[in-house]
C-alpha cells in the first residue's frame, strides 16, 4: 500500500465559473391581415399561447388596430415552435395569418 508523502502531494485545481447568463428572449408577433377572422386570432392566442379570453381579445384588438401585436415572449426554441404551430394551424384553416419572431 502506498504511503502519503507531503513532498509529492498534489492539489486539485479548481476554476471559478462566471455567472450564468440568461438566454436571449424573443417576441412572437402576430400581424394583421384583411382575411383572418378575429375569432381565429383569439382561438390562436388561447390555445397556443394559453392567454385568458380577456387577454386574447385585448391582444387581438391591438393586432387589428396597430397592425401587429405581441403574443408572448419566449426563449428561441419555444418561440420558434410557437411560430411554426401558428403558421401550420393558419394554413390548415386556410387563413393568411402571419406570425413572426424577433429578438427582444
PDB file of N, CA and C in Angstrom:
ATOM      1  N   UNK A   1       0.845  -1.167   0.000  1.00  0.00           N
ATOM      2  CA  UNK A   1       0.000   0.000   0.000  1.00  0.00           C
ATOM      3  C   UNK A   1       0.898   1.241   0.000  1.00  0.00           C
ATOM      4  N   UNK A   2       0.623   2.224  -0.896  1.00  0.00           N
ATOM      5  CA  UNK A   2       1.457   3.425  -0.940  1.00  0.00           C
ATOM      6  C   UNK A   2       1.270   4.270   0.320  1.00  0.00           C
ATOM      7  N   UNK A   3       2.324   4.958   0.691  1.00  0.00           N
ATOM      8  CA  UNK A   3       2.260   5.838   1.864  1.00  0.00           C
ATOM      9  C   UNK A   3       2.180   7.272   1.401  1.00  0.00           C
ATOM     10  N   UNK A   4       1.645   8.114   2.236  1.00  0.00           N
ATOM     11  CA  UNK A   4       1.482   9.528   1.940  1.00  0.00           C
ATOM     12  C   UNK A   4       2.816  10.245   2.109  1.00  0.00           C
ATOM     13  N   UNK A   5       3.237  11.000   1.090  1.00  0.00           N
ATOM     14  CA  UNK A   5       4.474  11.773   1.146  1.00  0.00           C
ATOM     15  C   UNK A   5       4.123  13.228   0.860  1.00  0.00           C
ATOM     16  N   UNK A   6       4.253  14.151   1.851  1.00  0.00           N
ATOM     17  CA  UNK A   6       3.866  15.545   1.665  1.00  0.00           C
ATOM     18  C   UNK A   6       4.630  16.250   0.550  1.00  0.00           C
ATOM     19  N   UNK A   7       5.835  15.796   0.190  1.00  0.00           N
ATOM     20  CA  UNK A   7       6.593  16.458  -0.880  1.00  0.00           C
ATOM     21  C   UNK A   7       5.912  16.272  -2.236  1.00  0.00           C
ATOM     22  N   UNK A   8       5.210  15.198  -2.390  1.00  0.00           N
ATOM     23  CA  UNK A   8       4.584  14.903  -3.675  1.00  0.00           C
ATOM     24  C   UNK A   8       3.062  15.048  -3.633  1.00  0.00           C
ATOM     25  N   UNK A   9       2.588  15.748  -2.657  1.00  0.00           N
ATOM     26  CA  UNK A   9       1.147  15.948  -2.529  1.00  0.00           C
ATOM     27  C   UNK A   9       0.669  16.856  -3.664  1.00  0.00           C
ATOM     28  N   UNK A  10      -0.308  16.417  -4.401  1.00  0.00           N
ATOM     29  CA  UNK A  10      -0.864  17.215  -5.491  1.00  0.00           C
ATOM     30  C   UNK A  10      -2.185  17.806  -5.033  1.00  0.00           C
ATOM     31  N   UNK A  11      -2.357  19.071  -5.389  1.00  0.00           N
ATOM     32  CA  UNK A  11      -3.614  19.724  -5.060  1.00  0.00           C
ATOM     33  C   UNK A  11      -4.495  19.717  -6.299  1.00  0.00           C
ATOM     34  N   UNK A  12      -5.741  19.614  -6.047  1.00  0.00           N
ATOM     35  CA  UNK A  12      -6.703  19.646  -7.152  1.00  0.00           C
ATOM     36  C   UNK A  12      -6.998  21.103  -7.454  1.00  0.00           C
ATOM     37  N   UNK A  13      -6.772  21.489  -8.699  1.00  0.00           N
ATOM     38  CA  UNK A  13      -7.055  22.864  -9.110  1.00  0.00           C
ATOM     39  C   UNK A  13      -8.540  23.042  -9.377  1.00  0.00           C
ATOM     40  N   UNK A  14      -9.044  24.171  -8.981  1.00  0.00           N
ATOM     41  CA  UNK A  14     -10.448  24.474  -9.244  1.00  0.00           C
ATOM     42  C   UNK A  14     -10.523  25.769 -10.034  1.00  0.00           C
ATOM     43  N   UNK A  15     -11.500  25.832 -10.902  1.00  0.00           N
ATOM     44  CA  UNK A  15     -11.739  27.043 -11.680  1.00  0.00           C
ATOM     45  C   UNK A  15     -13.038  27.653 -11.204  1.00  0.00           C
ATOM     46  N   UNK A  16     -13.035  28.953 -11.154  1.00  0.00           N
ATOM     47  CA  UNK A  16     -14.270  29.633 -10.809  1.00  0.00           C
ATOM     48  C   UNK A  16     -15.058  29.863 -12.080  1.00  0.00           C
ATOM     49  N   UNK A  17     -16.319  29.583 -12.007  1.00  0.00           N
ATOM     50  CA  UNK A  17     -17.182  29.803 -13.165  1.00  0.00           C
ATOM     51  C   UNK A  17     -17.740  31.207 -13.116  1.00  0.00           C
ATOM     52  N   UNK A  18     -17.874  31.778 -14.284  1.00  0.00           N
ATOM     53  CA  UNK A  18     -18.514  33.087 -14.339  1.00  0.00           C
ATOM     54  C   UNK A  18     -20.019  32.894 -14.159  1.00  0.00           C
ATOM     55  N   UNK A  19     -20.680  33.954 -13.845  1.00  0.00           N
ATOM     56  CA  UNK A  19     -22.126  33.875 -13.616  1.00  0.00           C
ATOM     57  C   UNK A  19     -22.826  33.439 -14.899  1.00  0.00           C
ATOM     58  N   UNK A  20     -23.842  32.633 -14.747  1.00  0.00           N
ATOM     59  CA  UNK A  20     -24.601  32.177 -15.899  1.00  0.00           C
ATOM     60  C   UNK A  20     -25.447  33.313 -16.449  1.00  0.00           C
ATOM     61  N   UNK A  21     -25.477  33.412 -17.765  1.00  0.00           N
ATOM     62  CA  UNK A  21     -26.283  34.442 -18.414  1.00  0.00           C
ATOM     63  C   UNK A  21     -27.655  33.864 -18.760  1.00  0.00           C
ATOM     64  N   UNK A  22     -28.636  34.707 -18.706  1.00  0.00           N
ATOM     65  CA  UNK A  22     -29.971  34.308 -19.127  1.00  0.00           C
ATOM     66  C   UNK A  22     -29.980  34.174 -20.645  1.00  0.00           C
ATOM     67  N   UNK A  23     -30.711  33.214 -21.188  1.00  0.00           N
ATOM     68  CA  UNK A  23     -30.774  33.096 -22.647  1.00  0.00           C
ATOM     69  C   UNK A  23     -31.522  34.291 -23.234  1.00  0.00           C
ATOM     70  N   UNK A  24     -31.189  34.655 -24.470  1.00  0.00           N
ATOM     71  CA  UNK A  24     -31.908  35.777 -25.080  1.00  0.00           C
ATOM     72  C   UNK A  24     -33.377  35.423 -25.274  1.00  0.00           C
ATOM     73  N   UNK A  25     -34.222  36.419 -25.182  1.00  0.00           N
ATOM     74  CA  UNK A  25     -35.660  36.218 -25.330  1.00  0.00           C
ATOM     75  C   UNK A  25     -36.124  36.768 -26.672  1.00  0.00           C
ATOM     76  N   UNK A  26     -37.190  36.162 -27.185  1.00  0.00           N
ATOM     77  CA  UNK A  26     -37.732  36.547 -28.479  1.00  0.00           C
ATOM     78  C   UNK A  26     -39.224  36.814 -28.350  1.00  0.00           C
ATOM     79  N   UNK A  27     -39.672  37.892 -29.002  1.00  0.00           N
ATOM     80  CA  UNK A  27     -41.093  38.228 -29.047  1.00  0.00           C
ATOM     81  C   UNK A  27     -41.733  37.482 -30.204  1.00  0.00           C
ATOM     82  N   UNK A  28     -42.881  36.883 -29.961  1.00  0.00           N
ATOM     83  CA  UNK A  28     -43.668  36.269 -31.026  1.00  0.00           C
ATOM     84  C   UNK A  28     -44.750  37.274 -31.397  1.00  0.00           C
ATOM     85  N   UNK A  29     -44.759  37.651 -32.675  1.00  0.00           N
ATOM     86  CA  UNK A  29     -45.646  38.707 -33.155  1.00  0.00           C
ATOM     87  C   UNK A  29     -46.707  38.143 -34.085  1.00  0.00           C
ATOM     88  N   UNK A  30     -47.918  38.642 -33.938  1.00  0.00           N
ATOM     89  CA  UNK A  30     -48.996  38.346 -34.873  1.00  0.00           C
ATOM     90  C   UNK A  30     -49.226  39.598 -35.705  1.00  0.00           C
ATOM     91  N   UNK A  31     -49.352  39.419 -37.028  1.00  0.00           N
ATOM     92  CA  UNK A  31     -49.516  40.547 -37.945  1.00  0.00           C
ATOM     93  C   UNK A  31     -50.935  40.569 -38.490  1.00  0.00           C
ATOM     94  N   UNK A  32     -51.458  41.763 -38.658  1.00  0.00           N
ATOM     95  CA  UNK A  32     -52.820  41.942 -39.145  1.00  0.00           C
ATOM     96  C   UNK A  32     -52.901  41.661 -40.642  1.00  0.00           C
ATOM     97  N   UNK A  33     -54.015  41.114 -41.059  1.00  0.00           N
ATOM     98  CA  UNK A  33     -54.335  40.992 -42.481  1.00  0.00           C
ATOM     99  C   UNK A  33     -55.840  41.201 -42.625  1.00  0.00           C
ATOM    100  N   UNK A  34     -56.318  41.271 -43.854  1.00  0.00           N
ATOM    101  CA  UNK A  34     -57.725  41.573 -44.087  1.00  0.00           C
ATOM    102  C   UNK A  34     -58.617  40.340 -44.161  1.00  0.00           C
ATOM    103  N   UNK A  35     -58.055  39.143 -43.976  1.00  0.00           N
ATOM    104  CA  UNK A  35     -58.834  37.930 -44.177  1.00  0.00           C
ATOM    105  C   UNK A  35     -58.991  37.068 -42.928  1.00  0.00           C
ATOM    106  N   UNK A  36     -58.004  37.041 -42.062  1.00  0.00           N
ATOM    107  CA  UNK A  36     -58.084  36.203 -40.859  1.00  0.00           C
ATOM    108  C   UNK A  36     -59.119  36.794 -39.908  1.00  0.00           C
ATOM    109  N   UNK A  37     -60.017  35.960 -39.442  1.00  0.00           N
ATOM    110  CA  UNK A  37     -61.084  36.464 -38.569  1.00  0.00           C
ATOM    111  C   UNK A  37     -60.544  36.758 -37.166  1.00  0.00           C
ATOM    112  N   UNK A  38     -61.223  37.656 -36.497  1.00  0.00           N
ATOM    113  CA  UNK A  38     -60.849  37.998 -35.129  1.00  0.00           C
ATOM    114  C   UNK A  38     -61.027  36.797 -34.205  1.00  0.00           C
ATOM    115  N   UNK A  39     -62.038  36.004 -34.479  1.00  0.00           N
ATOM    116  CA  UNK A  39     -62.297  34.820 -33.664  1.00  0.00           C
ATOM    117  C   UNK A  39     -61.151  33.818 -33.770  1.00  0.00           C
ATOM    118  N   UNK A  40     -60.593  33.676 -34.978  1.00  0.00           N
ATOM    119  CA  UNK A  40     -59.478  32.750 -35.152  1.00  0.00           C
ATOM    120  C   UNK A  40     -58.242  33.239 -34.413  1.00  0.00           C
ATOM    121  N   UNK A  41     -57.999  34.537 -34.416  1.00  0.00           N
ATOM    122  CA  UNK A  41     -56.849  35.093 -33.688  1.00  0.00           C
ATOM    123  C   UNK A  41     -57.019  34.864 -32.189  1.00  0.00           C
ATOM    124  N   UNK A  42     -58.214  35.050 -31.679  1.00  0.00           N
ATOM    125  CA  UNK A  42     -58.480  34.776 -30.262  1.00  0.00           C
ATOM    126  C   UNK A  42     -58.276  33.297 -29.977  1.00  0.00           C
ATOM    127  N   UNK A  43     -58.720  32.436 -30.880  1.00  0.00           N
ATOM    128  CA  UNK A  43     -58.526  30.993 -30.731  1.00  0.00           C
ATOM    129  C   UNK A  43     -57.030  30.660 -30.654  1.00  0.00           C
ATOM    130  N   UNK A  44     -56.236  31.229 -31.539  1.00  0.00           N
ATOM    131  CA  UNK A  44     -54.778  31.015 -31.539  1.00  0.00           C
ATOM    132  C   UNK A  44     -54.175  31.455 -30.206  1.00  0.00           C
ATOM    133  N   UNK A  45     -54.573  32.629 -29.748  1.00  0.00           N
ATOM    134  CA  UNK A  45     -53.999  33.178 -28.513  1.00  0.00           C
ATOM    135  C   UNK A  45     -54.381  32.359 -27.282  1.00  0.00           C
ATOM    136  N   UNK A  46     -55.567  31.784 -27.280  1.00  0.00           N
ATOM    137  CA  UNK A  46     -55.961  30.986 -26.113  1.00  0.00           C
ATOM    138  C   UNK A  46     -55.404  29.569 -26.181  1.00  0.00           C
ATOM    139  N   UNK A  47     -55.376  28.968 -27.361  1.00  0.00           N
ATOM    140  CA  UNK A  47     -54.955  27.576 -27.485  1.00  0.00           C
ATOM    141  C   UNK A  47     -53.436  27.403 -27.515  1.00  0.00           C
ATOM    142  N   UNK A  48     -52.745  28.225 -28.255  1.00  0.00           N
ATOM    143  CA  UNK A  48     -51.293  28.047 -28.414  1.00  0.00           C
ATOM    144  C   UNK A  48     -50.517  28.833 -27.360  1.00  0.00           C
ATOM    145  N   UNK A  49     -50.976  30.046 -27.069  1.00  0.00           N
ATOM    146  CA  UNK A  49     -50.234  30.895 -26.136  1.00  0.00           C
ATOM    147  C   UNK A  49     -50.810  30.880 -24.727  1.00  0.00           C
ATOM    148  N   UNK A  50     -51.919  30.189 -24.520  1.00  0.00           N
ATOM    149  CA  UNK A  50     -52.536  29.987 -23.194  1.00  0.00           C
ATOM    150  C   UNK A  50     -52.886  31.298 -22.492  1.00  0.00           C
ATOM    151  N   UNK A  51     -53.370  32.279 -23.266  1.00  0.00           N
ATOM    152  CA  UNK A  51     -53.858  33.524 -22.670  1.00  0.00           C
ATOM    153  C   UNK A  51     -55.305  33.311 -22.235  1.00  0.00           C
ATOM    154  N   UNK A  52     -55.727  34.092 -21.259  1.00  0.00           N
ATOM    155  CA  UNK A  52     -57.142  34.077 -20.899  1.00  0.00           C
ATOM    156  C   UNK A  52     -57.920  34.699 -22.056  1.00  0.00           C
ATOM    157  N   UNK A  53     -59.205  34.470 -22.087  1.00  0.00           N
ATOM    158  CA  UNK A  53     -60.006  35.009 -23.192  1.00  0.00           C
ATOM    159  C   UNK A  53     -59.972  36.535 -23.204  1.00  0.00           C
ATOM    160  N   UNK A  54     -59.972  37.150 -22.034  1.00  0.00           N
ATOM    161  CA  UNK A  54     -59.923  38.614 -21.958  1.00  0.00           C
ATOM    162  C   UNK A  54     -58.598  39.151 -22.503  1.00  0.00           C
ATOM    163  N   UNK A  55     -57.489  38.529 -22.112  1.00  0.00           N
ATOM    164  CA  UNK A  55     -56.184  38.951 -22.634  1.00  0.00           C
ATOM    165  C   UNK A  55     -56.086  38.694 -24.136  1.00  0.00           C
ATOM    166  N   UNK A  56     -56.635  37.576 -24.584  1.00  0.00           N
ATOM    167  CA  UNK A  56     -56.608  37.255 -26.011  1.00  0.00           C
ATOM    168  C   UNK A  56     -57.372  38.293 -26.823  1.00  0.00           C
ATOM    169  N   UNK A  57     -58.505  38.735 -26.324  1.00  0.00           N
ATOM    170  CA  UNK A  57     -59.284  39.768 -27.016  1.00  0.00           C
ATOM    171  C   UNK A  57     -58.505  41.077 -27.039  1.00  0.00           C
ATOM    172  N   UNK A  58     -57.855  41.415 -25.932  1.00  0.00           N
ATOM    173  CA  UNK A  58     -57.058  42.650 -25.882  1.00  0.00           C
ATOM    174  C   UNK A  58     -55.919  42.607 -26.908  1.00  0.00           C
ATOM    175  N   UNK A  59     -55.223  41.489 -26.985  1.00  0.00           N
ATOM    176  CA  UNK A  59     -54.113  41.359 -27.939  1.00  0.00           C
ATOM    177  C   UNK A  59     -54.647  41.367 -29.371  1.00  0.00           C
ATOM    178  N   UNK A  60     -55.770  40.687 -29.604  1.00  0.00           N
ATOM    179  CA  UNK A  60     -56.374  40.665 -30.935  1.00  0.00           C
ATOM    180  C   UNK A  60     -56.752  42.064 -31.386  1.00  0.00           C
ATOM    181  N   UNK A  61     -57.298  42.867 -30.480  1.00  0.00           N
ATOM    182  CA  UNK A  61     -57.652  44.248 -30.835  1.00  0.00           C
ATOM    183  C   UNK A  61     -56.401  45.080 -31.120  1.00  0.00           C
ATOM    184  N   UNK A  62     -55.329  44.828 -30.394  1.00  0.00           N
ATOM    185  CA  UNK A  62     -54.066  45.520 -30.660  1.00  0.00           C
ATOM    186  C   UNK A  62     -53.556  45.154 -32.059  1.00  0.00           C
ATOM    187  N   UNK A  63     -53.632  43.885 -32.405  1.00  0.00           N
ATOM    188  CA  UNK A  63     -53.222  43.445 -33.744  1.00  0.00           C
ATOM    189  C   UNK A  63     -54.089  44.133 -34.787  1.00  0.00           C
ATOM    190  N   UNK A  64     -55.390  44.170 -34.558  1.00  0.00           N
ATOM    191  CA  UNK A  64     -56.331  44.756 -35.510  1.00  0.00           C
ATOM    192  C   UNK A  64     -56.111  46.256 -35.678  1.00  0.00           C
ATOM    193  N   UNK A  65     -55.883  46.962 -34.586  1.00  0.00           N
ATOM    194  CA  UNK A  65     -55.777  48.422 -34.647  1.00  0.00           C
ATOM    195  C   UNK A  65     -54.380  48.917 -35.001  1.00  0.00           C
ATOM    196  N   UNK A  66     -53.344  48.249 -34.505  1.00  0.00           N
ATOM    197  CA  UNK A  66     -51.977  48.723 -34.711  1.00  0.00           C
ATOM    198  C   UNK A  66     -51.227  47.958 -35.802  1.00  0.00           C
ATOM    199  N   UNK A  67     -51.797  46.864 -36.271  1.00  0.00           N
ATOM    200  CA  UNK A  67     -51.167  46.094 -37.332  1.00  0.00           C
ATOM    201  C   UNK A  67     -50.283  44.967 -36.849  1.00  0.00           C
ATOM    202  N   UNK A  68     -49.880  44.999 -35.594  1.00  0.00           N
ATOM    203  CA  UNK A  68     -49.048  43.937 -35.030  1.00  0.00           C
ATOM    204  C   UNK A  68     -49.262  43.896 -33.519  1.00  0.00           C
ATOM    205  N   UNK A  69     -49.164  42.707 -32.952  1.00  0.00           N
ATOM    206  CA  UNK A  69     -49.314  42.555 -31.511  1.00  0.00           C
ATOM    207  C   UNK A  69     -48.408  41.453 -30.998  1.00  0.00           C
ATOM    208  N   UNK A  70     -47.989  41.595 -29.757  1.00  0.00           N
ATOM    209  CA  UNK A  70     -47.089  40.616 -29.145  1.00  0.00           C
ATOM    210  C   UNK A  70     -47.929  39.510 -28.499  1.00  0.00           C
ATOM    211  N   UNK A  71     -47.738  38.302 -29.006  1.00  0.00           N
ATOM    212  CA  UNK A  71     -48.467  37.155 -28.459  1.00  0.00           C
ATOM    213  C   UNK A  71     -47.774  36.602 -27.220  1.00  0.00           C
ATOM    214  N   UNK A  72     -46.459  36.776 -27.129  1.00  0.00           N
ATOM    215  CA  UNK A  72     -45.712  36.286 -25.977  1.00  0.00           C
ATOM    216  C   UNK A  72     -44.220  36.482 -26.168  1.00  0.00           C
ATOM    217  N   UNK A  73     -43.466  36.273 -25.086  1.00  0.00           N
ATOM    218  CA  UNK A  73     -42.010  36.398 -25.105  1.00  0.00           C
ATOM    219  C   UNK A  73     -41.439  35.086 -24.570  1.00  0.00           C
ATOM    220  N   UNK A  74     -40.555  34.471 -25.371  1.00  0.00           N
ATOM    221  CA  UNK A  74     -40.054  33.132 -25.057  1.00  0.00           C
ATOM    222  C   UNK A  74     -38.581  33.017 -25.435  1.00  0.00           C
ATOM    223  N   UNK A  75     -37.963  31.923 -24.999  1.00  0.00           N
ATOM    224  CA  UNK A  75     -36.622  31.613 -25.479  1.00  0.00           C
ATOM    225  C   UNK A  75     -36.730  31.207 -26.949  1.00  0.00           C
ATOM    226  N   UNK A  76     -35.592  31.132 -27.633  1.00  0.00           N
ATOM    227  CA  UNK A  76     -35.578  30.924 -29.081  1.00  0.00           C
ATOM    228  C   UNK A  76     -36.344  29.665 -29.502  1.00  0.00           C
ATOM    229  N   UNK A  77     -36.046  28.546 -28.890  1.00  0.00           N
ATOM    230  CA  UNK A  77     -36.649  27.289 -29.306  1.00  0.00           C
ATOM    231  C   UNK A  77     -38.161  27.278 -29.103  1.00  0.00           C
ATOM    232  N   UNK A  78     -38.602  27.821 -27.991  1.00  0.00           N
ATOM    233  CA  UNK A  78     -40.040  27.852 -27.713  1.00  0.00           C
ATOM    234  C   UNK A  78     -40.727  28.814 -28.672  1.00  0.00           C
ATOM    235  N   UNK A  79     -40.131  29.979 -28.906  1.00  0.00           N
ATOM    236  CA  UNK A  79     -40.705  30.951 -29.840  1.00  0.00           C
ATOM    237  C   UNK A  79     -40.797  30.356 -31.240  1.00  0.00           C
ATOM    238  N   UNK A  80     -39.760  29.685 -31.663  1.00  0.00           N
ATOM    239  CA  UNK A  80     -39.734  29.072 -32.986  1.00  0.00           C
ATOM    240  C   UNK A  80     -40.839  28.015 -33.123  1.00  0.00           C
ATOM    241  N   UNK A  81     -41.032  27.233 -32.088  1.00  0.00           N
ATOM    242  CA  UNK A  81     -42.071  26.202 -32.100  1.00  0.00           C
ATOM    243  C   UNK A  81     -43.459  26.825 -32.151  1.00  0.00           C
ATOM    244  N   UNK A  82     -43.676  27.877 -31.370  1.00  0.00           N
ATOM    245  CA  UNK A  82     -44.987  28.530 -31.357  1.00  0.00           C
ATOM    246  C   UNK A  82     -45.294  29.156 -32.712  1.00  0.00           C
ATOM    247  N   UNK A  83     -44.299  29.792 -33.341  1.00  0.00           N
ATOM    248  CA  UNK A  83     -44.498  30.379 -34.666  1.00  0.00           C
ATOM    249  C   UNK A  83     -44.880  29.281 -35.659  1.00  0.00           C
ATOM    250  N   UNK A  84     -44.185  28.161 -35.620  1.00  0.00           N
ATOM    251  CA  UNK A  84     -44.477  27.059 -36.542  1.00  0.00           C
ATOM    252  C   UNK A  84     -45.881  26.502 -36.310  1.00  0.00           C
ATOM    253  N   UNK A  85     -46.290  26.381 -35.056  1.00  0.00           N
ATOM    254  CA  UNK A  85     -47.634  25.870 -34.745  1.00  0.00           C
ATOM    255  C   UNK A  85     -48.717  26.823 -35.236  1.00  0.00           C
ATOM    256  N   UNK A  86     -48.504  28.133 -35.035  1.00  0.00           N
ATOM    257  CA  UNK A  86     -49.481  29.123 -35.504  1.00  0.00           C
ATOM    258  C   UNK A  86     -49.594  29.069 -37.020  1.00  0.00           C
ATOM    259  N   UNK A  87     -48.456  29.044 -37.698  1.00  0.00           N
ATOM    260  CA  UNK A  87     -48.467  29.040 -39.166  1.00  0.00           C
ATOM    261  C   UNK A  87     -49.130  27.763 -39.699  1.00  0.00           C
ATOM    262  N   UNK A  88     -48.866  26.619 -39.087  1.00  0.00           N
ATOM    263  CA  UNK A  88     -49.478  25.371 -39.528  1.00  0.00           C
ATOM    264  C   UNK A  88     -50.994  25.393 -39.319  1.00  0.00           C
ATOM    265  N   UNK A  89     -51.427  25.898 -38.181  1.00  0.00           N
ATOM    266  CA  UNK A  89     -52.856  25.965 -37.891  1.00  0.00           C
ATOM    267  C   UNK A  89     -53.552  26.950 -38.827  1.00  0.00           C
ATOM    268  N   UNK A  90     -52.905  28.076 -39.101  1.00  0.00           N
ATOM    269  CA  UNK A  90     -53.482  29.058 -40.020  1.00  0.00           C
ATOM    270  C   UNK A  90     -53.624  28.469 -41.422  1.00  0.00           C
ATOM    271  N   UNK A  91     -52.626  27.737 -41.871  1.00  0.00           N
ATOM    272  CA  UNK A  91     -52.700  27.112 -43.202  1.00  0.00           C
ATOM    273  C   UNK A  91     -53.774  26.020 -43.232  1.00  0.00           C
ATOM    274  N   UNK A  92     -53.905  25.303 -42.130  1.00  0.00           N
ATOM    275  CA  UNK A  92     -54.924  24.260 -42.061  1.00  0.00           C
ATOM    276  C   UNK A  92     -56.322  24.848 -42.219  1.00  0.00           C
ATOM    277  N   UNK A  93     -56.547  26.004 -41.599  1.00  0.00           N
ATOM    278  CA  UNK A  93     -57.845  26.671 -41.692  1.00  0.00           C
ATOM    279  C   UNK A  93     -57.912  27.656 -42.858  1.00  0.00           C
ATOM    280  N   UNK A  94     -56.880  27.671 -43.688  1.00  0.00           N
ATOM    281  CA  UNK A  94     -56.793  28.494 -44.893  1.00  0.00           C
ATOM    282  C   UNK A  94     -56.871  29.992 -44.611  1.00  0.00           C
ATOM    283  N   UNK A  95     -56.154  30.421 -43.580  1.00  0.00           N
ATOM    284  CA  UNK A  95     -56.017  31.842 -43.283  1.00  0.00           C
ATOM    285  C   UNK A  95     -54.589  32.289 -43.598  1.00  0.00           C
ATOM    286  N   UNK A  96     -54.423  33.517 -44.080  1.00  0.00           N
ATOM    287  CA  UNK A  96     -53.072  34.011 -44.387  1.00  0.00           C
ATOM    288  C   UNK A  96     -52.384  34.677 -43.193  1.00  0.00           C
ATOM    289  N   UNK A  97     -52.739  34.280 -41.997  1.00  0.00           N
ATOM    290  CA  UNK A  97     -52.172  34.886 -40.790  1.00  0.00           C
ATOM    291  C   UNK A  97     -50.653  34.757 -40.795  1.00  0.00           C
ATOM    292  N   UNK A  98     -49.982  35.865 -40.490  1.00  0.00           N
ATOM    293  CA  UNK A  98     -48.524  35.874 -40.431  1.00  0.00           C
ATOM    294  C   UNK A  98     -48.096  35.971 -38.975  1.00  0.00           C
ATOM    295  N   UNK A  99     -47.216  35.075 -38.577  1.00  0.00           N
ATOM    296  CA  UNK A  99     -46.660  35.060 -37.226  1.00  0.00           C
ATOM    297  C   UNK A  99     -45.143  35.041 -37.356  1.00  0.00           C
ATOM    298  N   UNK A 100     -44.473  35.984 -36.705  1.00  0.00           N
ATOM    299  CA  UNK A 100     -43.019  36.071 -36.786  1.00  0.00           C
ATOM    300  C   UNK A 100     -42.442  36.193 -35.385  1.00  0.00           C
ATOM    301  N   UNK A 101     -41.114  36.150 -35.307  1.00  0.00           N
ATOM    302  CA  UNK A 101     -40.450  36.353 -34.029  1.00  0.00           C
ATOM    303  C   UNK A 101     -39.279  37.296 -34.229  1.00  0.00           C
ATOM    304  N   UNK A 102     -38.979  38.061 -33.182  1.00  0.00           N
ATOM    305  CA  UNK A 102     -37.834  38.973 -33.214  1.00  0.00           C
ATOM    306  C   UNK A 102     -37.200  39.011 -31.831  1.00  0.00           C
ATOM    307  N   UNK A 103     -35.910  39.269 -31.830  1.00  0.00           N
ATOM    308  CA  UNK A 103     -35.200  39.302 -30.562  1.00  0.00           C
ATOM    309  C   UNK A 103     -35.642  40.511 -29.752  1.00  0.00           C
ATOM    310  N   UNK A 104     -35.794  40.304 -28.469  1.00  0.00           N
ATOM    311  CA  UNK A 104     -36.263  41.390 -27.592  1.00  0.00           C
ATOM    312  C   UNK A 104     -35.142  42.347 -27.278  1.00  0.00           C
TER     313      UNK A 104
END
